[in-house]
Amino acid sequence: MSSIDAYQFVEKISMDECSESLLYCDKQTNIKYIVIKIRLHYESQNQNNWAFREVELLSKLSHNNIIKIYKSFTEGQDLYIVTDYTDSGNLSQLISVRAKANDPFTETEVMFYFVQILFALKHIHDNQIIHRDLRPKNILLTKIVTGNIQRQQVKLGGFHQAKVQEQLELEQVGNPSYQSPEQLLENGYTNKSDIWNLGCVLYELCTFCLPFSGQTLYAMFTKIKQEKHKSIDSKWFSKELSAIADSLLIKDPEIRPSAKELLELPFVQKWITILAQKQMIDKELLETQQ
């Protein structure tokens, strides 16, 4: 029987209006988990839908680069979701640290994160799920040990806004800075909006800034809908990487490449091989991407 009593509370990681992220340790195994505690509001079922939706969607996914749900249960007016413990923060925090130190990412580092996010994105799209809130804050990082090798691994989380493709509604979701032109134009959207989000993340990794910004939301939204972003400087990154970023930020979603098409690009395949040889990513995982 699942119960929070099976875990020892360690510390509070974060909290917001309706949920808390808490670090717990399994009393029997001593394995650490993040437990998301969500306060359910029974007077408004709509307020609960996102929580149960995240449990349902994540339970369908099984991938090394996606946060895993081990179990979920309710006690009183609280929903508990037991997930992977990620011990290295998130990509947003890392970008902030590197930007403040004026320490740009190398192309190897950029591709290390990009490839893993791409693996995760292809997996959810193959399962007909659209993330709808892909941004650095929802890209979690954790240390893993394989033999004598310790390395970092990406874990995609933040599935609060995710939906099955057939269940999509015309609504504004996600962080405004990462919204795609089709979202802002209220034309509806597909998983190509996730590809736009990925373009924003890639651009931010390379430049420490977003491809579109403005002093007001209106100014920023106007640029997203109408203006061309400034391409990544090829003095610091290869022309191939800059071209990929440009392709992800094409205004017309029909022209943007899919996650599968991106993984099949010779440039991306080259980097997958390099990263695997350096033992920075799982060789075993690559077999599942073919």
C-alpha atoms as a PDB file:
ATOM      1  CA  MET A   1       0.000   0.000   0.000  1.00  0.00           C
ATOM      2  CA  SER A   2       1.452   3.344  -1.045  1.00  0.00           C
ATOM      3  CA  SER A   3       1.781   5.929   1.682  1.00  0.00           C
ATOM      4  CA  ILE A   4       3.961   8.937   2.381  1.00  0.00           C
ATOM      5  CA  ASP A   5       4.846   7.194   5.658  1.00  0.00           C
ATOM      6  CA  ALA A   6       7.095   4.871   3.628  1.00  0.00           C
ATOM      7  CA  TYR A   7       9.421   7.835   3.018  1.00  0.00           C
ATOM      8  CA  GLN A   8      11.603   9.993   5.261  1.00  0.00           C
ATOM      9  CA  PHE A   9      11.336  13.727   4.612  1.00  0.00           C
ATOM     10  CA  VAL A  10      14.711  15.359   3.848  1.00  0.00           C
ATOM     11  CA  GLU A  11      14.069  18.912   2.667  1.00  0.00           C
ATOM     12  CA  LYS A  12      11.781  21.197   0.714  1.00  0.00           C
ATOM     13  CA  ILE A  13      13.074  21.913  -2.792  1.00  0.00           C
ATOM     14  CA  SER A  14      10.516  24.423  -4.031  1.00  0.00           C
ATOM     15  CA  MET A  15       6.887  25.453  -3.733  1.00  0.00           C
ATOM     16  CA  ASP A  16       4.268  27.454  -5.555  1.00  0.00           C
ATOM     17  CA  GLU A  17       0.589  28.279  -5.190  1.00  0.00           C
ATOM     18  CA  CYS A  18      -0.737  24.754  -5.333  1.00  0.00           C
ATOM     19  CA  SER A  19       2.201  22.360  -5.072  1.00  0.00           C
ATOM     20  CA  GLU A  20       5.491  21.590  -3.360  1.00  0.00           C
ATOM     21  CA  SER A  21       8.551  19.669  -4.550  1.00  0.00           C
ATOM     22  CA  LEU A  22       9.983  17.740  -1.627  1.00  0.00           C
ATOM     23  CA  LEU A  23      13.044  15.543  -1.272  1.00  0.00           C
ATOM     24  CA  TYR A  24      12.275  12.242   0.464  1.00  0.00           C
ATOM     25  CA  CYS A  25      14.283   9.105   1.135  1.00  0.00           C
ATOM     26  CA  ASP A  26      12.767   5.620   0.948  1.00  0.00           C
ATOM     27  CA  LYS A  27      12.997   4.206   4.483  1.00  0.00           C
ATOM     28  CA  GLN A  28      13.753   0.688   3.242  1.00  0.00           C
ATOM     29  CA  THR A  29      16.138   1.300   0.348  1.00  0.00           C
ATOM     30  CA  ASN A  30      17.589   4.754   1.236  1.00  0.00           C
ATOM     31  CA  ILE A  31      16.992   5.787  -2.393  1.00  0.00           C
ATOM     32  CA  LYS A  32      16.160   9.474  -2.790  1.00  0.00           C
ATOM     33  CA  TYR A  33      13.077  10.629  -4.687  1.00  0.00           C
ATOM     34  CA  ILE A  34      11.419  13.918  -5.483  1.00  0.00           C
ATOM     35  CA  VAL A  35       7.870  13.835  -4.178  1.00  0.00           C
ATOM     36  CA  ILE A  36       5.534  16.397  -5.719  1.00  0.00           C
ATOM     37  CA  LYS A  37       2.793  17.209  -3.234  1.00  0.00           C
ATOM     38  CA  ILE A  38      -0.237  18.799  -4.878  1.00  0.00           C
ATOM     39  CA  ARG A  39      -3.048  20.321  -2.866  1.00  0.00           C
ATOM     40  CA  LEU A  40      -6.264  19.219  -4.487  1.00  0.00           C
ATOM     41  CA  HIS A  41      -9.193  21.613  -4.655  1.00  0.00           C
ATOM     42  CA  TYR A  42     -12.259  19.451  -4.757  1.00  0.00           C
ATOM     43  CA  GLU A  43     -14.560  22.429  -5.205  1.00  0.00           C
ATOM     44  CA  SER A  44     -13.019  23.004  -8.644  1.00  0.00           C
ATOM     45  CA  GLN A  45     -12.278  19.857 -10.631  1.00  0.00           C
ATOM     46  CA  ASN A  46     -10.561  21.881 -13.370  1.00  0.00           C
ATOM     47  CA  GLN A  47      -7.825  22.869 -10.921  1.00  0.00           C
ATOM     48  CA  ASN A  48      -7.013  19.191 -10.420  1.00  0.00           C
ATOM     49  CA  ASN A  49      -7.000  18.139 -14.046  1.00  0.00           C
ATOM     50  CA  TRP A  50      -3.418  19.190 -14.757  1.00  0.00           C
ATOM     51  CA  ALA A  51      -2.097  17.126 -11.842  1.00  0.00           C
ATOM     52  CA  PHE A  52      -3.850  13.912 -12.816  1.00  0.00           C
ATOM     53  CA  ARG A  53      -3.019  14.563 -16.476  1.00  0.00           C
ATOM     54  CA  GLU A  54       0.692  14.763 -15.689  1.00  0.00           C
ATOM     55  CA  VAL A  55       0.521  11.437 -13.829  1.00  0.00           C
ATOM     56  CA  GLU A  56      -1.387   9.792 -16.671  1.00  0.00           C
ATOM     57  CA  LEU A  57       0.894  11.071 -19.429  1.00  0.00           C
ATOM     58  CA  LEU A  58       4.194  10.379 -17.655  1.00  0.00           C
ATOM     59  CA  SER A  59       3.045   6.881 -16.761  1.00  0.00           C
ATOM     60  CA  LYS A  60       2.906   6.146 -20.515  1.00  0.00           C
ATOM     61  CA  LEU A  61       6.505   7.248 -21.080  1.00  0.00           C
ATOM     62  CA  SER A  62       9.669   5.266 -20.454  1.00  0.00           C
ATOM     63  CA  HIS A  63      12.904   6.939 -21.511  1.00  0.00           C
ATOM     64  CA  ASN A  64      16.278   7.714 -19.933  1.00  0.00           C
ATOM     65  CA  ASN A  65      15.911  11.410 -20.734  1.00  0.00           C
ATOM     66  CA  ILE A  66      12.406  11.832 -19.283  1.00  0.00           C
ATOM     67  CA  ILE A  67      11.446  12.119 -15.616  1.00  0.00           C
ATOM     68  CA  LYS A  68       9.994   8.816 -14.443  1.00  0.00           C
ATOM     69  CA  ILE A  69       6.959   8.457 -12.189  1.00  0.00           C
ATOM     70  CA  TYR A  70       7.375   5.526  -9.815  1.00  0.00           C
ATOM     71  CA  LYS A  71       4.027   5.782  -8.098  1.00  0.00           C
ATOM     72  CA  SER A  72       1.271   8.212  -7.169  1.00  0.00           C
ATOM     73  CA  PHE A  73      -1.348   8.194  -4.427  1.00  0.00           C
ATOM     74  CA  THR A  74      -3.722  10.496  -2.593  1.00  0.00           C
ATOM     75  CA  GLU A  75      -3.908  11.097   1.129  1.00  0.00           C
ATOM     76  CA  GLY A  76      -6.599  13.420   2.442  1.00  0.00           C
ATOM     77  CA  GLN A  77      -6.704  16.433   0.118  1.00  0.00           C
ATOM     78  CA  ASP A  78      -3.178  15.906  -1.250  1.00  0.00           C
ATOM     79  CA  LEU A  79      -1.912  14.086  -4.325  1.00  0.00           C
ATOM     80  CA  TYR A  80       1.623  12.698  -4.035  1.00  0.00           C
ATOM     81  CA  ILE A  81       3.705  11.925  -7.139  1.00  0.00           C
ATOM     82  CA  VAL A  82       6.959  10.040  -6.554  1.00  0.00           C
ATOM     83  CA  THR A  83       9.478  10.832  -9.313  1.00  0.00           C
ATOM     84  CA  ASP A  84      13.184  10.671 -10.144  1.00  0.00           C
ATOM     85  CA  TYR A  85      15.523  12.618  -7.890  1.00  0.00           C
ATOM     86  CA  THR A  86      17.601  14.982 -10.026  1.00  0.00           C
ATOM     87  CA  ASP A  87      20.540  16.344  -8.062  1.00  0.00           C
ATOM     88  CA  SER A  88      21.984  18.991 -10.395  1.00  0.00           C
ATOM     89  CA  GLY A  89      19.231  21.579 -10.740  1.00  0.00           C
ATOM     90  CA  ASN A  90      17.932  22.560 -14.157  1.00  0.00           C
ATOM     91  CA  LEU A  91      19.240  23.986 -17.403  1.00  0.00           C
ATOM     92  CA  SER A  92      17.909  27.467 -16.614  1.00  0.00           C
ATOM     93  CA  GLN A  93      20.030  27.623 -13.467  1.00  0.00           C
ATOM     94  CA  LEU A  94      23.086  26.373 -15.330  1.00  0.00           C
ATOM     95  CA  ILE A  95      22.656  28.930 -18.120  1.00  0.00           C
ATOM     96  CA  SER A  96      22.347  31.686 -15.502  1.00  0.00           C
ATOM     97  CA  VAL A  97      25.530  30.586 -13.705  1.00  0.00           C
ATOM     98  CA  ARG A  98      27.512  30.369 -16.927  1.00  0.00           C
ATOM     99  CA  ALA A  99      26.195  33.718 -18.179  1.00  0.00           C
ATOM    100  CA  LYS A 100      27.111  35.509 -14.941  1.00  0.00           C
ATOM    101  CA  ALA A 101      30.608  34.014 -15.122  1.00  0.00           C
ATOM    102  CA  ASN A 102      30.896  35.001 -18.801  1.00  0.00           C
ATOM    103  CA  ASP A 103      31.683  31.361 -19.513  1.00  0.00           C
ATOM    104  CA  PRO A 104      30.038  30.410 -22.836  1.00  0.00           C
ATOM    105  CA  PHE A 105      29.107  26.829 -23.598  1.00  0.00           C
ATOM    106  CA  THR A 106      31.299  25.051 -26.132  1.00  0.00           C
ATOM    107  CA  GLU A 107      29.724  23.432 -29.188  1.00  0.00           C
ATOM    108  CA  THR A 108      30.363  20.044 -27.564  1.00  0.00           C
ATOM    109  CA  GLU A 109      28.412  21.117 -24.478  1.00  0.00           C
ATOM    110  CA  VAL A 110      25.578  22.617 -26.535  1.00  0.00           C
ATOM    111  CA  MET A 111      25.208  19.438 -28.572  1.00  0.00           C
ATOM    112  CA  PHE A 112      25.407  17.310 -25.420  1.00  0.00           C
ATOM    113  CA  TYR A 113      22.272  18.995 -24.056  1.00  0.00           C
ATOM    114  CA  PHE A 114      20.570  19.430 -27.438  1.00  0.00           C
ATOM    115  CA  VAL A 115      20.858  15.763 -28.441  1.00  0.00           C
ATOM    116  CA  GLN A 116      19.415  14.505 -25.148  1.00  0.00           C
ATOM    117  CA  ILE A 117      16.500  16.961 -25.273  1.00  0.00           C
ATOM    118  CA  LEU A 118      15.905  15.829 -28.853  1.00  0.00           C
ATOM    119  CA  PHE A 119      15.850  12.171 -27.781  1.00  0.00           C
ATOM    120  CA  ALA A 120      13.215  13.006 -25.149  1.00  0.00           C
ATOM    121  CA  LEU A 121      11.161  15.104 -27.552  1.00  0.00           C
ATOM    122  CA  LYS A 122      11.109  12.400 -30.215  1.00  0.00           C
ATOM    123  CA  HIS A 123       9.911   9.881 -27.630  1.00  0.00           C
ATOM    124  CA  ILE A 124       6.976  11.996 -26.463  1.00  0.00           C
ATOM    125  CA  HIS A 125       6.031  12.924 -30.030  1.00  0.00           C
ATOM    126  CA  ASP A 126       6.159   9.247 -31.025  1.00  0.00           C
ATOM    127  CA  ASN A 127       3.613   8.714 -28.246  1.00  0.00           C
ATOM    128  CA  GLN A 128       1.383  11.491 -29.650  1.00  0.00           C
ATOM    129  CA  ILE A 129       2.094  13.786 -26.689  1.00  0.00           C
ATOM    130  CA  ILE A 130       2.883  17.486 -27.027  1.00  0.00           C
ATOM    131  CA  HIS A 131       4.858  18.997 -24.144  1.00  0.00           C
ATOM    132  CA  ARG A 132       3.713  22.640 -24.639  1.00  0.00           C
ATOM    133  CA  ASP A 133       6.107  24.078 -22.040  1.00  0.00           C
ATOM    134  CA  LEU A 134       9.591  23.100 -23.204  1.00  0.00           C
ATOM    135  CA  ARG A 135      12.040  25.581 -21.680  1.00  0.00           C
ATOM    136  CA  PRO A 136      15.293  25.439 -19.662  1.00  0.00           C
ATOM    137  CA  LYS A 137      13.500  25.426 -16.297  1.00  0.00           C
ATOM    138  CA  ASN A 138      11.783  22.153 -17.229  1.00  0.00           C
ATOM    139  CA  ILE A 139      14.988  20.499 -18.437  1.00  0.00           C
ATOM    140  CA  LEU A 140      16.336  18.880 -15.278  1.00  0.00           C
ATOM    141  CA  LEU A 141      19.897  17.677 -14.772  1.00  0.00           C
ATOM    142  CA  THR A 142      21.237  14.794 -12.717  1.00  0.00           C
ATOM    143  CA  LYS A 143      24.544  13.015 -12.166  1.00  0.00           C
ATOM    144  CA  ILE A 144      24.703   9.325 -13.044  1.00  0.00           C
ATOM    145  CA  VAL A 145      27.520   6.828 -12.547  1.00  0.00           C
ATOM    146  CA  THR A 146      28.297   4.061 -15.029  1.00  0.00           C
ATOM    147  CA  GLY A 147      31.222   1.941 -13.835  1.00  0.00           C
ATOM    148  CA  ASN A 148      33.993   4.415 -13.037  1.00  0.00           C
ATOM    149  CA  ILE A 149      32.492   7.161 -15.175  1.00  0.00           C
ATOM    150  CA  GLN A 150      30.385   9.959 -13.709  1.00  0.00           C
ATOM    151  CA  ARG A 151      28.471  12.174 -16.103  1.00  0.00           C
ATOM    152  CA  GLN A 152      25.454  14.412 -16.343  1.00  0.00           C
ATOM    153  CA  GLN A 153      22.134  13.418 -17.834  1.00  0.00           C
ATOM    154  CA  VAL A 154      19.155  15.437 -19.047  1.00  0.00           C
ATOM    155  CA  LYS A 155      15.714  14.582 -17.653  1.00  0.00           C
ATOM    156  CA  LEU A 156      12.791  16.347 -19.316  1.00  0.00           C
ATOM    157  CA  GLY A 157      10.092  17.281 -16.805  1.00  0.00           C
ATOM    158  CA  GLY A 158       7.427  19.959 -16.392  1.00  0.00           C
ATOM    159  CA  PHE A 159       4.588  18.066 -18.058  1.00  0.00           C
ATOM    160  CA  HIS A 160       1.842  20.160 -16.367  1.00  0.00           C
ATOM    161  CA  GLN A 161       0.677  21.574 -19.707  1.00  0.00           C
ATOM    162  CA  ALA A 162       1.231  18.444 -21.799  1.00  0.00           C
ATOM    163  CA  LYS A 163      -1.616  16.919 -23.766  1.00  0.00           C
ATOM    164  CA  VAL A 164      -2.306  14.093 -26.157  1.00  0.00           C
ATOM    165  CA  GLN A 165      -2.334  15.548 -29.656  1.00  0.00           C
ATOM    166  CA  GLU A 166      -5.993  14.693 -30.338  1.00  0.00           C
ATOM    167  CA  GLN A 167      -7.096  16.452 -27.143  1.00  0.00           C
ATOM    168  CA  LEU A 168      -5.581  19.848 -27.933  1.00  0.00           C
ATOM    169  CA  GLU A 169      -7.654  22.957 -27.443  1.00  0.00           C
ATOM    170  CA  LEU A 170      -7.086  26.476 -28.683  1.00  0.00           C
ATOM    171  CA  GLU A 171      -5.501  28.046 -25.588  1.00  0.00           C
ATOM    172  CA  GLN A 172      -2.487  30.062 -24.519  1.00  0.00           C
ATOM    173  CA  VAL A 173      -0.132  27.940 -22.411  1.00  0.00           C
ATOM    174  CA  GLY A 174       3.530  27.910 -21.471  1.00  0.00           C
ATOM    175  CA  ASN A 175       5.965  30.735 -20.804  1.00  0.00           C
ATOM    176  CA  PRO A 176       5.255  33.790 -23.028  1.00  0.00           C
ATOM    177  CA  SER A 177       8.920  34.140 -24.067  1.00  0.00           C
ATOM    178  CA  TYR A 178       8.886  30.688 -25.661  1.00  0.00           C
ATOM    179  CA  GLN A 179       5.484  30.764 -27.356  1.00  0.00           C
ATOM    180  CA  SER A 180       5.411  29.974 -31.050  1.00  0.00           C
ATOM    181  CA  PRO A 181       3.945  32.279 -33.722  1.00  0.00           C
ATOM    182  CA  GLU A 182       1.020  29.902 -34.330  1.00  0.00           C
ATOM    183  CA  GLN A 183       0.114  30.004 -30.627  1.00  0.00           C
ATOM    184  CA  LEU A 184       0.113  33.791 -30.617  1.00  0.00           C
ATOM    185  CA  LEU A 185      -1.885  33.935 -33.858  1.00  0.00           C
ATOM    186  CA  GLU A 186      -4.370  31.470 -32.332  1.00  0.00           C
ATOM    187  CA  ASN A 187      -4.109  29.228 -35.382  1.00  0.00           C
ATOM    188  CA  GLY A 188      -3.957  26.092 -33.285  1.00  0.00           C
ATOM    189  CA  TYR A 189      -0.764  24.129 -33.018  1.00  0.00           C
ATOM    190  CA  THR A 190       0.857  20.718 -33.269  1.00  0.00           C
ATOM    191  CA  ASN A 191       4.069  19.217 -31.946  1.00  0.00           C
ATOM    192  CA  LYS A 192       5.894  21.720 -34.162  1.00  0.00           C
ATOM    193  CA  SER A 193       5.331  24.251 -31.362  1.00  0.00           C
ATOM    194  CA  ASP A 194       7.606  22.050 -29.219  1.00  0.00           C
ATOM    195  CA  ILE A 195      10.172  22.320 -32.033  1.00  0.00           C
ATOM    196  CA  TRP A 196       9.949  26.128 -31.850  1.00  0.00           C
ATOM    197  CA  ASN A 197      10.493  25.888 -28.077  1.00  0.00           C
ATOM    198  CA  LEU A 198      13.526  23.689 -28.716  1.00  0.00           C
ATOM    199  CA  GLY A 199      14.857  26.373 -31.066  1.00  0.00           C
ATOM    200  CA  CYS A 200      14.545  28.937 -28.269  1.00  0.00           C
ATOM    201  CA  VAL A 201      16.418  26.630 -25.879  1.00  0.00           C
ATOM    202  CA  LEU A 202      19.192  25.982 -28.415  1.00  0.00           C
ATOM    203  CA  TYR A 203      19.507  29.695 -29.131  1.00  0.00           C
ATOM    204  CA  GLU A 204      19.713  30.460 -25.404  1.00  0.00           C
ATOM    205  CA  LEU A 205      22.436  27.839 -24.899  1.00  0.00           C
ATOM    206  CA  CYS A 206      24.512  29.469 -27.620  1.00  0.00           C
ATOM    207  CA  THR A 207      23.910  33.160 -26.855  1.00  0.00           C
ATOM    208  CA  PHE A 208      22.652  33.431 -23.237  1.00  0.00           C
ATOM    209  CA  CYS A 209      19.618  35.301 -24.568  1.00  0.00           C
ATOM    210  CA  LEU A 210      16.316  34.498 -26.256  1.00  0.00           C
ATOM    211  CA  PRO A 211      15.829  34.946 -30.010  1.00  0.00           C
ATOM    212  CA  PHE A 212      13.043  37.480 -29.392  1.00  0.00           C
ATOM    213  CA  SER A 213      12.673  40.006 -26.590  1.00  0.00           C
ATOM    214  CA  GLY A 214      10.923  43.305 -25.949  1.00  0.00           C
ATOM    215  CA  GLN A 215      10.259  45.861 -23.246  1.00  0.00           C
ATOM    216  CA  THR A 216       6.602  44.794 -23.217  1.00  0.00           C
ATOM    217  CA  LEU A 217       4.805  41.537 -23.967  1.00  0.00           C
ATOM    218  CA  TYR A 218       3.156  43.203 -26.956  1.00  0.00           C
ATOM    219  CA  ALA A 219       6.538  44.226 -28.378  1.00  0.00           C
ATOM    220  CA  MET A 220       7.951  40.736 -27.866  1.00  0.00           C
ATOM    221  CA  PHE A 221       4.895  39.034 -29.346  1.00  0.00           C
ATOM    222  CA  THR A 222       5.046  41.319 -32.393  1.00  0.00           C
ATOM    223  CA  LYS A 223       8.653  40.295 -32.998  1.00  0.00           C
ATOM    224  CA  ILE A 224       7.845  36.595 -32.595  1.00  0.00           C
ATOM    225  CA  LYS A 225       5.020  36.855 -35.128  1.00  0.00           C
ATOM    226  CA  GLN A 226       6.636  39.185 -37.662  1.00  0.00           C
ATOM    227  CA  GLU A 227      10.398  39.611 -37.339  1.00  0.00           C
ATOM    228  CA  LYS A 228      13.388  37.438 -38.222  1.00  0.00           C
ATOM    229  CA  HIS A 229      15.696  36.523 -35.356  1.00  0.00           C
ATOM    230  CA  LYS A 230      19.415  37.292 -35.525  1.00  0.00           C
ATOM    231  CA  SER A 231      21.269  34.115 -36.484  1.00  0.00           C
ATOM    232  CA  ILE A 232      23.799  32.584 -34.097  1.00  0.00           C
ATOM    233  CA  ASP A 233      27.280  33.977 -34.790  1.00  0.00           C
ATOM    234  CA  SER A 234      29.267  31.391 -36.756  1.00  0.00           C
ATOM    235  CA  LYS A 235      32.487  32.786 -35.251  1.00  0.00           C
ATOM    236  CA  TRP A 236      31.651  30.876 -32.079  1.00  0.00           C
ATOM    237  CA  PHE A 237      29.597  27.976 -33.415  1.00  0.00           C
ATOM    238  CA  SER A 238      29.593  26.014 -36.646  1.00  0.00           C
ATOM    239  CA  LYS A 239      27.471  27.074 -39.604  1.00  0.00           C
ATOM    240  CA  GLU A 240      25.649  23.733 -39.318  1.00  0.00           C
ATOM    241  CA  LEU A 241      24.584  24.434 -35.738  1.00  0.00           C
ATOM    242  CA  SER A 242      23.475  27.955 -36.641  1.00  0.00           C
ATOM    243  CA  ALA A 243      21.474  26.558 -39.565  1.00  0.00           C
ATOM    244  CA  ILE A 244      19.703  24.064 -37.287  1.00  0.00           C
ATOM    245  CA  ALA A 245      18.711  26.864 -34.901  1.00  0.00           C
ATOM    246  CA  ASP A 246      17.383  28.874 -37.868  1.00  0.00           C
ATOM    247  CA  SER A 247      15.318  25.898 -39.065  1.00  0.00           C
ATOM    248  CA  LEU A 248      13.703  25.457 -35.651  1.00  0.00           C
ATOM    249  CA  LEU A 249      12.668  29.116 -35.562  1.00  0.00           C
ATOM    250  CA  ILE A 250      10.921  29.219 -38.940  1.00  0.00           C
ATOM    251  CA  LYS A 251       7.582  31.010 -38.585  1.00  0.00           C
ATOM    252  CA  ASP A 252       5.628  28.440 -40.608  1.00  0.00           C
ATOM    253  CA  PRO A 253       5.243  25.299 -38.450  1.00  0.00           C
ATOM    254  CA  GLU A 254       4.767  23.116 -41.537  1.00  0.00           C
ATOM    255  CA  ILE A 255       8.314  23.888 -42.657  1.00  0.00           C
ATOM    256  CA  ARG A 256       9.999  23.262 -39.300  1.00  0.00           C
ATOM    257  CA  PRO A 257      11.707  19.854 -39.092  1.00  0.00           C
ATOM    258  CA  SER A 258      10.346  17.140 -36.823  1.00  0.00           C
ATOM    259  CA  ALA A 259      12.361  15.635 -33.971  1.00  0.00           C
ATOM    260  CA  LYS A 260      12.859  12.510 -36.085  1.00  0.00           C
ATOM    261  CA  GLU A 261      14.123  14.530 -39.063  1.00  0.00           C
ATOM    262  CA  LEU A 262      16.530  16.438 -36.822  1.00  0.00           C
ATOM    263  CA  LEU A 263      17.978  13.229 -35.406  1.00  0.00           C
ATOM    264  CA  GLU A 264      18.551  11.955 -38.945  1.00  0.00           C
ATOM    265  CA  LEU A 265      20.614  14.987 -39.998  1.00  0.00           C
ATOM    266  CA  PRO A 266      24.252  14.008 -40.779  1.00  0.00           C
ATOM    267  CA  PHE A 267      25.518  16.822 -38.502  1.00  0.00           C
ATOM    268  CA  VAL A 268      23.433  15.564 -35.559  1.00  0.00           C
ATOM    269  CA  GLN A 269      24.379  11.947 -36.276  1.00  0.00           C
ATOM    270  CA  LYS A 270      28.045  12.969 -36.253  1.00  0.00           C
ATOM    271  CA  TRP A 271      27.656  14.549 -32.832  1.00  0.00           C
ATOM    272  CA  ILE A 272      25.724  11.569 -31.462  1.00  0.00           C
ATOM    273  CA  THR A 273      28.673   9.370 -32.454  1.00  0.00           C
ATOM    274  CA  ILE A 274      31.205  11.770 -30.910  1.00  0.00           C
ATOM    275  CA  LEU A 275      29.266  12.043 -27.637  1.00  0.00           C
ATOM    276  CA  ALA A 276      28.846   8.276 -27.431  1.00  0.00           C
ATOM    277  CA  GLN A 277      32.560   7.734 -28.037  1.00  0.00           C
ATOM    278  CA  LYS A 278      33.347  10.220 -25.270  1.00  0.00           C
ATOM    279  CA  GLN A 279      30.903   8.244 -23.075  1.00  0.00           C
ATOM    280  CA  MET A 280      28.900  11.430 -22.481  1.00  0.00           C
ATOM    281  CA  ILE A 281      25.639   9.772 -23.552  1.00  0.00           C
ATOM    282  CA  ASP A 282      24.377   6.170 -23.327  1.00  0.00           C
ATOM    283  CA  LYS A 283      25.508   3.958 -26.195  1.00  0.00           C
ATOM    284  CA  GLU A 284      22.633   1.615 -25.353  1.00  0.00           C
ATOM    285  CA  LEU A 285      20.137   4.449 -25.693  1.00  0.00           C
ATOM    286  CA  LEU A 286      21.267   5.160 -29.235  1.00  0.00           C
ATOM    287  CA  GLU A 287      20.039   1.765 -30.411  1.00  0.00           C
ATOM    288  CA  THR A 288      16.481   2.753 -29.457  1.00  0.00           C
ATOM    289  CA  GLN A 289      16.677   5.903 -31.594  1.00  0.00           C
ATOM    290  CA  GLN A 290      17.341   4.137 -34.882  1.00  0.00           C
END
